[in-house]
C-alpha atoms as a PDB file:
ATOM      1  CA  MET A   1      48.057   5.453  95.277  1.00  0.00           C
ATOM      2  CA  THR A   2      49.601   3.454  92.118  1.00  0.00           C
ATOM      3  CA  GLY A   3      53.440   3.885  93.555  1.00  0.00           C
ATOM      4  CA  ASN A   4      55.170   6.146  96.027  1.00  0.00           C
ATOM      5  CA  PRO A   5      54.640  10.020  94.885  1.00  0.00           C
ATOM      6  CA  PHE A   6      57.479  11.074  96.672  1.00  0.00           C
ATOM      7  CA  ARG A   7      60.701   9.701  94.293  1.00  0.00           C
ATOM      8  CA  ASP A   8      61.187  12.275  92.012  1.00  0.00           C
ATOM      9  CA  LEU A   9      62.191  14.938  94.496  1.00  0.00           C
ATOM     10  CA  ALA A  10      64.663  17.417  92.256  1.00  0.00           C
ATOM     11  CA  SER A  11      62.387  19.626  90.158  1.00  0.00           C
ATOM     12  CA  GLU A  12      64.713  19.121  87.069  1.00  0.00           C
ATOM     13  CA  THR A  13      63.344  15.643  86.609  1.00  0.00           C
ATOM     14  CA  LEU A  14      59.424  16.455  86.339  1.00  0.00           C
ATOM     15  CA  GLU A  15      57.535  16.988  83.220  1.00  0.00           C
ATOM     16  CA  ASN A  16      55.245  19.025  84.506  1.00  0.00           C
ATOM     17  CA  VAL A  17      56.889  21.110  86.918  1.00  0.00           C
ATOM     18  CA  THR A  18      53.964  23.478  86.968  1.00  0.00           C
ATOM     19  CA  LEU A  19      51.199  21.320  87.862  1.00  0.00           C
ATOM     20  CA  PHE A  20      53.781  20.600  91.225  1.00  0.00           C
ATOM     21  CA  HIS A  21      54.309  24.168  91.488  1.00  0.00           C
ATOM     22  CA  VAL A  22      53.487  25.612  94.594  1.00  0.00           C
ATOM     23  CA  ASN A  23      53.228  29.551  94.295  1.00  0.00           C
ATOM     24  CA  GLN A  24      54.379  32.126  96.877  1.00  0.00           C
ATOM     25  CA  GLU A  25      54.560  35.697  96.930  1.00  0.00           C
ATOM     26  CA  THR A  26      57.905  35.919  95.224  1.00  0.00           C
ATOM     27  CA  ASP A  27      56.133  34.144  92.218  1.00  0.00           C
ATOM     28  CA  GLN A  28      53.313  36.644  92.097  1.00  0.00           C
ATOM     29  CA  ASN A  29      56.612  39.490  91.282  1.00  0.00           C
ATOM     30  CA  LEU A  30      57.730  36.957  88.887  1.00  0.00           C
ATOM     31  CA  ARG A  31      54.600  36.484  86.944  1.00  0.00           C
ATOM     32  CA  THR A  32      54.649  40.577  86.754  1.00  0.00           C
ATOM     33  CA  ILE A  33      58.279  40.650  85.159  1.00  0.00           C
ATOM     34  CA  LYS A  34      57.250  37.843  83.051  1.00  0.00           C
ATOM     35  CA  ASP A  35      54.456  39.818  81.093  1.00  0.00           C
ATOM     36  CA  GLU A  36      56.168  42.038  80.753  1.00  0.00           C
ATOM     37  CA  ILE A  37      58.702  40.671  78.977  1.00  0.00           C
ATOM     38  CA  LEU A  38      56.422  39.121  77.214  1.00  0.00           C
ATOM     39  CA  ASP A  39      54.927  42.280  75.622  1.00  0.00           C
ATOM     40  CA  LYS A  40      58.043  43.832  74.707  1.00  0.00           C
ATOM     41  CA  GLU A  41      57.156  45.769  77.458  1.00  0.00           C
ATOM     42  CA  ASN A  42      60.834  46.049  79.205  1.00  0.00           C
ATOM     43  CA  ARG A  43      64.388  44.262  80.129  1.00  0.00           C
ATOM     44  CA  ALA A  44      64.995  42.531  82.815  1.00  0.00           C
ATOM     45  CA  VAL A  45      67.835  40.793  85.304  1.00  0.00           C
ATOM     46  CA  VAL A  46      66.747  39.057  87.951  1.00  0.00           C
ATOM     47  CA  ALA A  47      68.602  36.797  90.518  1.00  0.00           C
ATOM     48  CA  ILE A  48      66.784  34.177  92.641  1.00  0.00           C
ATOM     49  CA  ILE A  49      68.082  33.115  95.483  1.00  0.00           C
ATOM     50  CA  GLY A  50      67.777  30.702  98.459  1.00  0.00           C
ATOM     51  CA  GLU A  51      69.034  27.268 100.353  1.00  0.00           C
ATOM     52  CA  LEU A  52      69.009  23.872  98.602  1.00  0.00           C
ATOM     53  CA  GLY A  53      66.130  22.205  97.300  1.00  0.00           C
ATOM     54  CA  ALA A  54      64.478  25.899  98.173  1.00  0.00           C
ATOM     55  CA  GLY A  55      63.061  26.027  94.556  1.00  0.00           C
ATOM     56  CA  LYS A  56      65.468  28.038  92.803  1.00  0.00           C
ATOM     57  CA  THR A  57      65.727  24.974  89.992  1.00  0.00           C
ATOM     58  CA  GLU A  58      61.720  25.136  90.200  1.00  0.00           C
ATOM     59  CA  ARG A  59      61.887  28.602  89.175  1.00  0.00           C
ATOM     60  CA  LEU A  60      63.830  28.675  86.594  1.00  0.00           C
ATOM     61  CA  ARG A  61      61.900  25.548  85.137  1.00  0.00           C
ATOM     62  CA  VAL A  62      58.536  27.270  85.416  1.00  0.00           C
ATOM     63  CA  ALA A  63      59.860  29.712  83.496  1.00  0.00           C
ATOM     64  CA  ALA A  64      61.001  27.691  80.832  1.00  0.00           C
ATOM     65  CA  ALA A  65      57.816  26.207  80.348  1.00  0.00           C
ATOM     66  CA  GLU A  66      55.869  29.389  80.503  1.00  0.00           C
ATOM     67  CA  ALA A  67      58.287  30.500  76.988  1.00  0.00           C
ATOM     68  CA  LYS A  68      57.297  27.241  75.792  1.00  0.00           C
ATOM     69  CA  GLU A  69      53.942  27.504  75.802  1.00  0.00           C
ATOM     70  CA  GLU A  70      54.308  31.144  74.888  1.00  0.00           C
ATOM     71  CA  LYS A  71      56.286  29.691  71.456  1.00  0.00           C
ATOM     72  CA  SER A  72      59.089  31.926  72.848  1.00  0.00           C
ATOM     73  CA  PHE A  73      62.407  31.964  72.391  1.00  0.00           C
ATOM     74  CA  CYS A  74      64.222  30.371  76.130  1.00  0.00           C
ATOM     75  CA  ALA A  75      68.089  29.338  76.303  1.00  0.00           C
ATOM     76  CA  TYR A  76      68.580  27.259  79.440  1.00  0.00           C
ATOM     77  CA  PHE A  77      72.108  26.579  81.068  1.00  0.00           C
ATOM     78  CA  ASP A  78      72.914  24.366  83.683  1.00  0.00           C
ATOM     79  CA  ILE A  79      75.990  25.335  85.606  1.00  0.00           C
ATOM     80  CA  THR A  80      77.694  22.207  87.233  1.00  0.00           C
ATOM     81  CA  GLU A  81      80.816  21.708  89.283  1.00  0.00           C
ATOM     82  CA  LYS A  82      82.048  19.608  86.426  1.00  0.00           C
ATOM     83  CA  THR A  83      81.537  22.339  83.940  1.00  0.00           C
ATOM     84  CA  ALA A  84      84.640  23.425  81.563  1.00  0.00           C
ATOM     85  CA  GLY A  85      83.973  26.060  79.836  1.00  0.00           C
ATOM     86  CA  ALA A  86      80.974  27.579  80.925  1.00  0.00           C
ATOM     87  CA  LEU A  87      80.794  30.345  77.879  1.00  0.00           C
ATOM     88  CA  ARG A  88      80.992  27.593  75.586  1.00  0.00           C
ATOM     89  CA  GLY A  89      78.292  25.578  77.435  1.00  0.00           C
ATOM     90  CA  LEU A  90      76.024  28.264  76.829  1.00  0.00           C
ATOM     91  CA  ALA A  91      76.262  28.965  73.217  1.00  0.00           C
ATOM     92  CA  GLN A  92      75.961  25.842  72.203  1.00  0.00           C
ATOM     93  CA  GLU A  93      72.191  25.500  74.491  1.00  0.00           C
ATOM     94  CA  PHE A  94      71.272  28.869  72.110  1.00  0.00           C
ATOM     95  CA  ARG A  95      72.413  26.843  69.362  1.00  0.00           C
ATOM     96  CA  LYS A  96      70.206  23.917  70.423  1.00  0.00           C
ATOM     97  CA  SER A  97      67.068  26.290  70.940  1.00  0.00           C
ATOM     98  CA  ALA A  98      67.618  27.726  67.415  1.00  0.00           C
ATOM     99  CA  GLN A  99      66.994  24.305  66.685  1.00  0.00           C
ATOM    100  CA  GLU A 100      64.090  23.959  68.452  1.00  0.00           C
ATOM    101  CA  HIS A 101      62.464  26.621  67.333  1.00  0.00           C
ATOM    102  CA  GLY A 102      63.387  26.277  63.528  1.00  0.00           C
ATOM    103  CA  LEU A 103      66.192  28.777  63.446  1.00  0.00           C
ATOM    104  CA  ILE A 104      67.972  26.986  61.743  1.00  0.00           C
ATOM    105  CA  LYS A 105      67.293  25.499  58.044  1.00  0.00           C
ATOM    106  CA  THR A 106      69.515  23.755  55.910  1.00  0.00           C
ATOM    107  CA  PHE A 107      71.143  26.412  54.506  1.00  0.00           C
ATOM    108  CA  GLY A 108      71.768  28.979  56.713  1.00  0.00           C
ATOM    109  CA  GLY A 109      70.205  30.271  60.215  1.00  0.00           C
ATOM    110  CA  PRO A 110      69.470  33.650  61.159  1.00  0.00           C
ATOM    111  CA  PRO A 111      72.426  36.185  60.861  1.00  0.00           C
ATOM    112  CA  TRP A 112      73.372  36.143  64.457  1.00  0.00           C
ATOM    113  CA  MET A 113      73.800  32.140  64.605  1.00  0.00           C
ATOM    114  CA  LYS A 114      77.527  32.819  63.296  1.00  0.00           C
ATOM    115  CA  ALA A 115      78.617  34.714  66.384  1.00  0.00           C
ATOM    116  CA  ILE A 116      77.040  31.970  68.016  1.00  0.00           C
ATOM    117  CA  GLN A 117      78.994  29.139  66.297  1.00  0.00           C
ATOM    118  CA  GLY A 118      82.468  31.433  66.991  1.00  0.00           C
ATOM    119  CA  LEU A 119      81.540  30.505  70.257  1.00  0.00           C
ATOM    120  CA  GLU A 120      81.112  27.643  70.762  1.00  0.00           C
ATOM    121  CA  LYS A 121      84.616  26.883  69.054  1.00  0.00           C
ATOM    122  CA  LEU A 122      86.617  28.400  71.554  1.00  0.00           C
ATOM    123  CA  LYS A 123      89.636  26.528  72.752  1.00  0.00           C
ATOM    124  CA  ASP A 124      90.076  28.510  76.543  1.00  0.00           C
ATOM    125  CA  GLU A 125      88.940  30.362  78.731  1.00  0.00           C
ATOM    126  CA  LYS A 126      90.656  33.658  76.942  1.00  0.00           C
ATOM    127  CA  TYR A 127      88.249  35.563  74.239  1.00  0.00           C
ATOM    128  CA  ASP A 128      86.663  39.000  74.298  1.00  0.00           C
ATOM    129  CA  THR A 129      84.165  39.571  76.769  1.00  0.00           C
ATOM    130  CA  ALA A 130      82.815  42.430  74.772  1.00  0.00           C
ATOM    131  CA  GLU A 131      82.662  40.742  71.975  1.00  0.00           C
ATOM    132  CA  ALA A 132      80.790  37.433  73.467  1.00  0.00           C
ATOM    133  CA  GLY A 133      78.726  39.235  75.316  1.00  0.00           C
ATOM    134  CA  HIS A 134      77.165  41.715  72.618  1.00  0.00           C
ATOM    135  CA  ALA A 135      76.847  37.894  70.701  1.00  0.00           C
ATOM    136  CA  LEU A 136      74.353  36.672  73.002  1.00  0.00           C
ATOM    137  CA  ALA A 137      72.785  39.925  73.618  1.00  0.00           C
ATOM    138  CA  ARG A 138      72.095  40.187  69.629  1.00  0.00           C
ATOM    139  CA  ALA A 139      70.817  36.948  69.553  1.00  0.00           C
ATOM    140  CA  LEU A 140      68.232  37.283  72.599  1.00  0.00           C
ATOM    141  CA  ASN A 141      66.783  40.371  71.061  1.00  0.00           C
ATOM    142  CA  GLU A 142      66.595  39.280  67.591  1.00  0.00           C
ATOM    143  CA  THR A 143      64.433  36.696  69.431  1.00  0.00           C
ATOM    144  CA  ALA A 144      62.507  39.190  71.845  1.00  0.00           C
ATOM    145  CA  PRO A 145      60.563  38.071  73.355  1.00  0.00           C
ATOM    146  CA  SER A 146      63.057  35.645  74.959  1.00  0.00           C
ATOM    147  CA  PHE A 147      64.463  34.281  78.210  1.00  0.00           C
ATOM    148  CA  LEU A 148      67.669  33.464  79.790  1.00  0.00           C
ATOM    149  CA  LEU A 149      67.848  30.993  82.029  1.00  0.00           C
ATOM    150  CA  LEU A 150      71.211  30.461  84.089  1.00  0.00           C
ATOM    151  CA  ASN A 151      71.102  27.734  86.602  1.00  0.00           C
ATOM    152  CA  ASP A 152      73.675  27.906  89.804  1.00  0.00           C
ATOM    153  CA  VAL A 153      75.711  30.404  88.763  1.00  0.00           C
ATOM    154  CA  HIS A 154      77.965  29.887  92.210  1.00  0.00           C
ATOM    155  CA  ASN A 155      79.455  27.089  90.822  1.00  0.00           C
ATOM    156  CA  LEU A 156      81.592  28.778  88.650  1.00  0.00           C
ATOM    157  CA  ILE A 157      83.593  29.941  91.729  1.00  0.00           C
ATOM    158  CA  ASP A 158      86.397  27.618  91.409  1.00  0.00           C
ATOM    159  CA  THR A 159      87.094  27.860  87.824  1.00  0.00           C
ATOM    160  CA  ASN A 160      88.868  29.961  86.294  1.00  0.00           C
ATOM    161  CA  GLU A 161      86.794  31.532  83.972  1.00  0.00           C
ATOM    162  CA  VAL A 162      83.911  32.972  86.701  1.00  0.00           C
ATOM    163  CA  ASP A 163      85.588  36.490  86.038  1.00  0.00           C
ATOM    164  CA  SER A 164      85.281  36.825  82.493  1.00  0.00           C
ATOM    165  CA  PHE A 165      82.207  34.919  82.309  1.00  0.00           C
ATOM    166  CA  ILE A 166      80.335  37.592  85.266  1.00  0.00           C
ATOM    167  CA  LYS A 167      81.957  40.118  82.681  1.00  0.00           C
ATOM    168  CA  VAL A 168      80.166  38.789  79.439  1.00  0.00           C
ATOM    169  CA  LEU A 169      77.245  38.195  81.650  1.00  0.00           C
ATOM    170  CA  GLN A 170      77.810  42.324  81.917  1.00  0.00           C
ATOM    171  CA  GLU A 171      78.168  43.604  78.698  1.00  0.00           C
ATOM    172  CA  LEU A 172      75.233  41.344  77.524  1.00  0.00           C
ATOM    173  CA  VAL A 173      73.416  43.114  80.026  1.00  0.00           C
ATOM    174  CA  ASP A 174      74.386  46.417  78.763  1.00  0.00           C
ATOM    175  CA  ALA A 175      72.806  45.751  74.890  1.00  0.00           C
ATOM    176  CA  LEU A 176      69.698  43.997  76.421  1.00  0.00           C
ATOM    177  CA  LYS A 177      66.747  45.277  74.801  1.00  0.00           C
ATOM    178  CA  PRO A 178      63.451  45.397  75.983  1.00  0.00           C
ATOM    179  CA  GLY A 179      61.537  41.998  75.437  1.00  0.00           C
ATOM    180  CA  VAL A 180      64.577  40.162  76.881  1.00  0.00           C
ATOM    181  CA  LEU A 181      64.939  38.150  81.046  1.00  0.00           C
ATOM    182  CA  LEU A 182      68.364  37.257  82.033  1.00  0.00           C
ATOM    183  CA  MET A 183      67.237  35.406  84.950  1.00  0.00           C
ATOM    184  CA  PHE A 184      70.024  33.563  87.620  1.00  0.00           C
ATOM    185  CA  THR A 185      69.866  31.297  90.476  1.00  0.00           C
ATOM    186  CA  CYS A 186      73.067  31.136  93.094  1.00  0.00           C
ATOM    187  CA  TYR A 187      73.273  30.718  96.774  1.00  0.00           C
ATOM    188  CA  THR A 188      73.376  34.021  98.818  1.00  0.00           C
ATOM    189  CA  SER A 189      77.448  34.011  99.999  1.00  0.00           C
ATOM    190  CA  TYR A 190      77.808  33.874  96.213  1.00  0.00           C
ATOM    191  CA  LEU A 191      75.382  37.205  95.320  1.00  0.00           C
ATOM    192  CA  ALA A 192      77.917  38.766  98.640  1.00  0.00           C
ATOM    193  CA  TRP A 193      81.132  38.082  96.259  1.00  0.00           C
ATOM    194  CA  LEU A 194      79.391  39.331  93.337  1.00  0.00           C
ATOM    195  CA  THR A 195      78.730  42.400  95.047  1.00  0.00           C
ATOM    196  CA  VAL A 196      82.277  43.433  96.300  1.00  0.00           C
ATOM    197  CA  ASN A 197      84.103  41.710  93.439  1.00  0.00           C
ATOM    198  CA  HIS A 198      81.861  42.455  89.983  1.00  0.00           C
ATOM    199  CA  PRO A 199      79.909  45.632  91.370  1.00  0.00           C
ATOM    200  CA  ALA A 200      78.961  46.412  88.007  1.00  0.00           C
ATOM    201  CA  PHE A 201      77.377  43.400  87.190  1.00  0.00           C
ATOM    202  CA  ALA A 202      75.724  43.277  91.068  1.00  0.00           C
ATOM    203  CA  GLN A 203      74.314  46.974  90.423  1.00  0.00           C
ATOM    204  CA  ARG A 204      72.754  46.192  87.204  1.00  0.00           C
ATOM    205  CA  ILE A 205      70.405  43.032  88.832  1.00  0.00           C
ATOM    206  CA  ASN A 206      66.687  44.818  88.671  1.00  0.00           C
ATOM    207  CA  ARG A 207      65.013  42.534  91.811  1.00  0.00           C
ATOM    208  CA  LYS A 208      66.843  40.079  93.478  1.00  0.00           C
ATOM    209  CA  PHE A 209      64.302  37.337  95.336  1.00  0.00           C
ATOM    210  CA  VAL A 210      65.373  35.233  98.188  1.00  0.00           C
ATOM    211  CA  LEU A 211      63.308  32.352  98.986  1.00  0.00           C
ATOM    212  CA  ARG A 212      61.363  32.059 102.002  1.00  0.00           C
ATOM    213  CA  ARG A 213      60.925  28.570 103.674  1.00  0.00           C
ATOM    214  CA  PHE A 214      57.451  27.309 103.534  1.00  0.00           C
ATOM    215  CA  ASP A 215      54.210  27.614 106.215  1.00  0.00           C
ATOM    216  CA  ASP A 216      52.288  24.552 106.965  1.00  0.00           C
ATOM    217  CA  ASP A 217      49.876  25.879 104.201  1.00  0.00           C
ATOM    218  CA  GLU A 218      52.380  25.336 101.596  1.00  0.00           C
ATOM    219  CA  ALA A 219      54.226  21.977 102.641  1.00  0.00           C
ATOM    220  CA  ALA A 220      50.672  20.699 103.099  1.00  0.00           C
ATOM    221  CA  LEU A 221      49.553  22.300  99.528  1.00  0.00           C
ATOM    222  CA  LEU A 222      52.850  20.613  97.920  1.00  0.00           C
ATOM    223  CA  ILE A 223      52.118  17.405  99.279  1.00  0.00           C
ATOM    224  CA  ALA A 224      48.363  17.021  98.070  1.00  0.00           C
ATOM    225  CA  LYS A 225      49.606  18.227  94.224  1.00  0.00           C
ATOM    226  CA  LYS A 226      52.991  14.980  94.454  1.00  0.00           C
ATOM    227  CA  LEU A 227      49.680  12.842  96.007  1.00  0.00           C
ATOM    228  CA  LEU A 228      47.516  13.825  93.264  1.00  0.00           C
ATOM    229  CA  ALA A 229      49.703  12.501  90.707  1.00  0.00           C
ATOM    230  CA  LYS A 230      49.724   9.041  92.054  1.00  0.00           C
ATOM    231  CA  ARG A 231      46.262   8.784  93.919  1.00  0.00           C
ATOM    232  CA  VAL A 232      43.482   6.132  92.210  1.00  0.00           C
ATOM    233  CA  VAL A 233      40.438   6.943  94.639  1.00  0.00           C
ATOM    234  CA  GLU A 234      38.676  10.332  94.902  1.00  0.00           C
ATOM    235  CA  ASP A 235      36.834  11.982  97.073  1.00  0.00           C
ATOM    236  CA  LEU A 236      40.008  11.610  99.309  1.00  0.00           C
ATOM    237  CA  ASP A 237      41.209  14.169 101.875  1.00  0.00           C
ATOM    238  CA  PRO A 238      44.211  16.149 100.060  1.00  0.00           C
ATOM    239  CA  THR A 239      46.989  15.354 101.829  1.00  0.00           C
ATOM    240  CA  TYR A 240      45.769  11.865 102.982  1.00  0.00           C
ATOM    241  CA  PRO A 241      47.324   9.598 104.248  1.00  0.00           C
ATOM    242  CA  PHE A 242      49.179  12.333 106.323  1.00  0.00           C
ATOM    243  CA  ASP A 243      47.055  13.878 108.567  1.00  0.00           C
ATOM    244  CA  ALA A 244      47.145  17.757 109.646  1.00  0.00           C
ATOM    245  CA  ASP A 245      49.715  17.022 112.875  1.00  0.00           C
ATOM    246  CA  ALA A 246      51.592  15.050 110.285  1.00  0.00           C
ATOM    247  CA  VAL A 247      52.077  18.105 107.500  1.00  0.00           C
ATOM    248  CA  SER A 248      52.930  20.202 110.586  1.00  0.00           C
ATOM    249  CA  ALA A 249      55.724  18.046 111.788  1.00  0.00           C
ATOM    250  CA  LEU A 250      57.013  16.934 108.336  1.00  0.00           C
ATOM    251  CA  ASN A 251      57.617  20.861 107.868  1.00  0.00           C
ATOM    252  CA  ARG A 252      59.273  21.507 111.384  1.00  0.00           C
ATOM    253  CA  ALA A 253      61.432  18.604 111.007  1.00  0.00           C
ATOM    254  CA  ALA A 254      62.779  20.164 107.487  1.00  0.00           C
ATOM    255  CA  GLY A 255      62.376  23.651 108.366  1.00  0.00           C
ATOM    256  CA  GLY A 256      59.865  24.516 105.911  1.00  0.00           C
ATOM    257  CA  ASN A 257      62.836  23.426 103.394  1.00  0.00           C
ATOM    258  CA  PRO A 258      60.917  21.781 100.377  1.00  0.00           C
ATOM    259  CA  ARG A 259      62.807  18.993  99.000  1.00  0.00           C
ATOM    260  CA  ARG A 260      63.705  18.506 102.490  1.00  0.00           C
ATOM    261  CA  ILE A 261      59.689  18.305 102.691  1.00  0.00           C
ATOM    262  CA  LEU A 262      59.682  15.798 100.408  1.00  0.00           C
ATOM    263  CA  GLU A 263      62.964  13.698 101.519  1.00  0.00           C
ATOM    264  CA  LEU A 264      60.871  13.234 105.092  1.00  0.00           C
ATOM    265  CA  ALA A 265      57.541  12.398 103.284  1.00  0.00           C
ATOM    266  CA  ASP A 266      59.277   9.591 101.670  1.00  0.00           C
ATOM    267  CA  LEU A 267      60.765   7.682 104.646  1.00  0.00           C
ATOM    268  CA  ALA A 268      57.454   8.396 106.462  1.00  0.00           C
ATOM    269  CA  LEU A 269      54.922   6.703 103.827  1.00  0.00           C
ATOM    270  CA  GLU A 270      57.375   3.864 103.749  1.00  0.00           C
ATOM    271  CA  TYR A 271      57.782   3.702 107.297  1.00  0.00           C
ATOM    272  CA  ALA A 272      53.608   3.744 107.065  1.00  0.00           C
ATOM    273  CA  LEU A 273      53.507   0.913 104.452  1.00  0.00           C
ATOM    274  CA  ALA A 274      56.054  -0.769 106.299  1.00  0.00           C
ATOM    275  CA  HIS A 275      53.968  -1.151 109.542  1.00  0.00           C
ATOM    276  CA  ARG A 276      50.365  -1.673 107.731  1.00  0.00           C
ATOM    277  CA  ALA A 277      49.436   1.859 108.760  1.00  0.00           C
ATOM    278  CA  TYR A 278      46.477   3.921 107.270  1.00  0.00           C
ATOM    279  CA  ARG A 279      47.362   6.784 108.481  1.00  0.00           C
ATOM    280  CA  VAL A 280      50.545   9.109 108.712  1.00  0.00           C
ATOM    281  CA  ASP A 281      50.301  10.776 111.680  1.00  0.00           C
ATOM    282  CA  GLY A 282      52.808  13.276 113.651  1.00  0.00           C
ATOM    283  CA  ASP A 283      53.823  10.575 116.062  1.00  0.00           C
ATOM    284  CA  MET A 284      54.614   7.973 113.006  1.00  0.00           C
ATOM    285  CA  VAL A 285      56.914  11.323 111.735  1.00  0.00           C
ATOM    286  CA  HIS A 286      58.384  12.119 115.027  1.00  0.00           C
ATOM    287  CA  THR A 287      59.677   8.488 114.614  1.00  0.00           C
ATOM    288  CA  VAL A 288      61.426   8.951 111.389  1.00  0.00           C
ATOM    289  CA  ALA A 289      62.621  12.790 110.745  1.00  0.00           C
ATOM    290  CA  PRO A 290      65.193  13.777 112.379  1.00  0.00           C
ATOM    291  CA  THR A 291      65.013  15.291 115.876  1.00  0.00           C
ATOM    292  CA  GLN A 292      66.692  18.452 114.490  1.00  0.00           C
ATOM    293  CA  PRO A 293      64.936  20.905 112.652  1.00  0.00           C
ATOM    294  CA  GLY A 294      66.163  21.306 109.005  1.00  0.00           C
ATOM    295  CA  ALA A 295      68.388  18.633 108.801  1.00  0.00           C
ATOM    296  CA  VAL A 296      68.609  15.901 106.945  1.00  0.00           C
ATOM    297  CA  PRO A 297      68.796  11.881 106.928  1.00  0.00           C
ATOM    298  CA  GLY A 298      72.249  11.148 106.918  1.00  0.00           C
ATOM    299  CA  VAL A 299      73.869  14.220 106.374  1.00  0.00           C
ATOM    300  CA  THR A 300      75.571  16.357 108.950  1.00  0.00           C
ATOM    301  CA  VAL A 301      74.827  20.055 109.231  1.00  0.00           C
ATOM    302  CA  SER A 302      77.003  22.431 110.910  1.00  0.00           C
ATOM    303  CA  SER A 303      76.038  25.340 113.073  1.00  0.00           C
ATOM    304  CA  PRO A 304      74.558  28.265 111.325  1.00  0.00           C
ATOM    305  CA  PRO A 305      77.147  30.831 109.982  1.00  0.00           C
ATOM    306  CA  PRO A 306      77.499  34.177 111.806  1.00  0.00           C
ATOM    307  CA  ALA A 307      75.207  37.284 110.421  1.00  0.00           C
ATOM    308  CA  ALA A 308      77.950  38.329 108.669  1.00  0.00           C
ATOM    309  CA  THR A 309      81.354  37.560 106.585  1.00  0.00           C
ATOM    310  CA  PRO A 310      83.739  39.479 105.621  1.00  0.00           C
ATOM    311  CA  ILE A 311      84.563  39.591 102.298  1.00  0.00           C
ATOM    312  CA  THR A 312      87.253  40.176 100.239  1.00  0.00           C
ATOM    313  CA  PRO A 313      87.976  42.182  97.105  1.00  0.00           C
ATOM    314  CA  GLY A 314      89.851  39.222  95.200  1.00  0.00           C
ATOM    315  CA  SER A 315      88.873  35.688  97.117  1.00  0.00           C
ATOM    316  CA  PRO A 316      86.370  32.974  96.108  1.00  0.00           C
ATOM    317  CA  PRO A 317      82.876  33.774  97.240  1.00  0.00           C
ATOM    318  CA  PRO A 318      82.394  31.542 100.719  1.00  0.00           C
ATOM    319  CA  LYS A 319      80.761  27.871 100.331  1.00  0.00           C
ATOM    320  CA  PRO A 320      77.792  27.854 102.265  1.00  0.00           C
ATOM    321  CA  ARG A 321      78.119  25.246 105.846  1.00  0.00           C
ATOM    322  CA  TYR A 322      75.401  23.544 105.201  1.00  0.00           C
ATOM    323  CA  MET A 323      77.312  22.448 102.105  1.00  0.00           C
ATOM    324  CA  GLU A 324      80.630  22.297 103.773  1.00  0.00           C
ATOM    325  CA  SER A 325      79.786  18.756 105.772  1.00  0.00           C
ATOM    326  CA  GLY A 326      77.639  16.988 103.266  1.00  0.00           C
ATOM    327  CA  SER A 327      74.381  17.231 100.832  1.00  0.00           C
ATOM    328  CA  ALA A 328      71.962  15.459  99.036  1.00  0.00           C
END
C-alpha cells in the first residue's frame, strides 16, 4: 500500500464519498425517494437518525454528490455547536449554491435571491419565521429538482434560535412543491424532543431512518473499499492484510459502528507494521482493541440510557449518554 488508508475517518473529508460508501437497506429506500425528487414526482422530508459515527453525515454527502452529478440545486449546511445564526448561515449556503450553478449574474439574479440576501443580513434571532420559510421554499421550488441538506440539527439544542429555526422549517415544508427534498440528521433523543415540543413539524416528517450497526460482511466491505484506495498490488484478498477473524473482531470491538471500525483498523494496522507482521489476525485485533464492545480508545463510555426518558414540553432534548463523557 502507498499509505495507511484509515486516517480519513470522517466522510466530510472524503472527496469521493460515494466510492467508500457501504449501502444498507436504508440507502435503497433513500434511492427511491431521491429518484422521485429528481423526476419531480413528489416532495419529501426525511430524518436520518443514528449515534456518533453511524453514517448520518455520509448519507447527506452521498445525496449532495448525487445532486451534483444530476446538476441539481443543492444547499448543504453543517450546524455545529459554534453556529451563530443558523438561518443566516443557511441563507449564505443558498447564495453559494446559486453561484455554483451560475444563477447569479453580474447585474442580477433570480427573483428569489433578494429575499435570501435579506436573510443573510439578519442581526439577531428575532425574525418573521413565516416570511423566512416561504423565502427558502421559493428558492427550492424555483430551482427544482433541489435538495436541502441539514447536518446535525441537534446542535441547535443550546441556542436561542432553536424554536424559531424549527418554525422556519415547518413553514418551508408547508410551501414545498414536488421536486424538493429536505433531509436532516440528528440524534434519537433530539427527534424525541422535537416530537414533544414541535409536534407540528415532527408530523410533517415523511420518513425516519434509524441507521443500524454493521454486520461482519458490511464491515469487511468498508475495510476493503478503504484498502483499495491505497493498494498497489492486485490479485489479493479484498481485505488483506486483515483476515476474516480480524474483520469480525474489529466489528465486535467497534459495536458495529463504522467510524469506530476505521479507528480500530488504523490501530491494528499500525501495530502490525510496528511488529513486522504480514497479516492482521483476530489475536492482533484483540491486543489493540478495547475489551468493552463498542468502546473507542481513550474515550470513557457510560452505561446505556434507560429505554424511555421522560421529556416535558419546553425542556431541552437530553444529550446522548455516549456524548457526556467525551467523544471522538
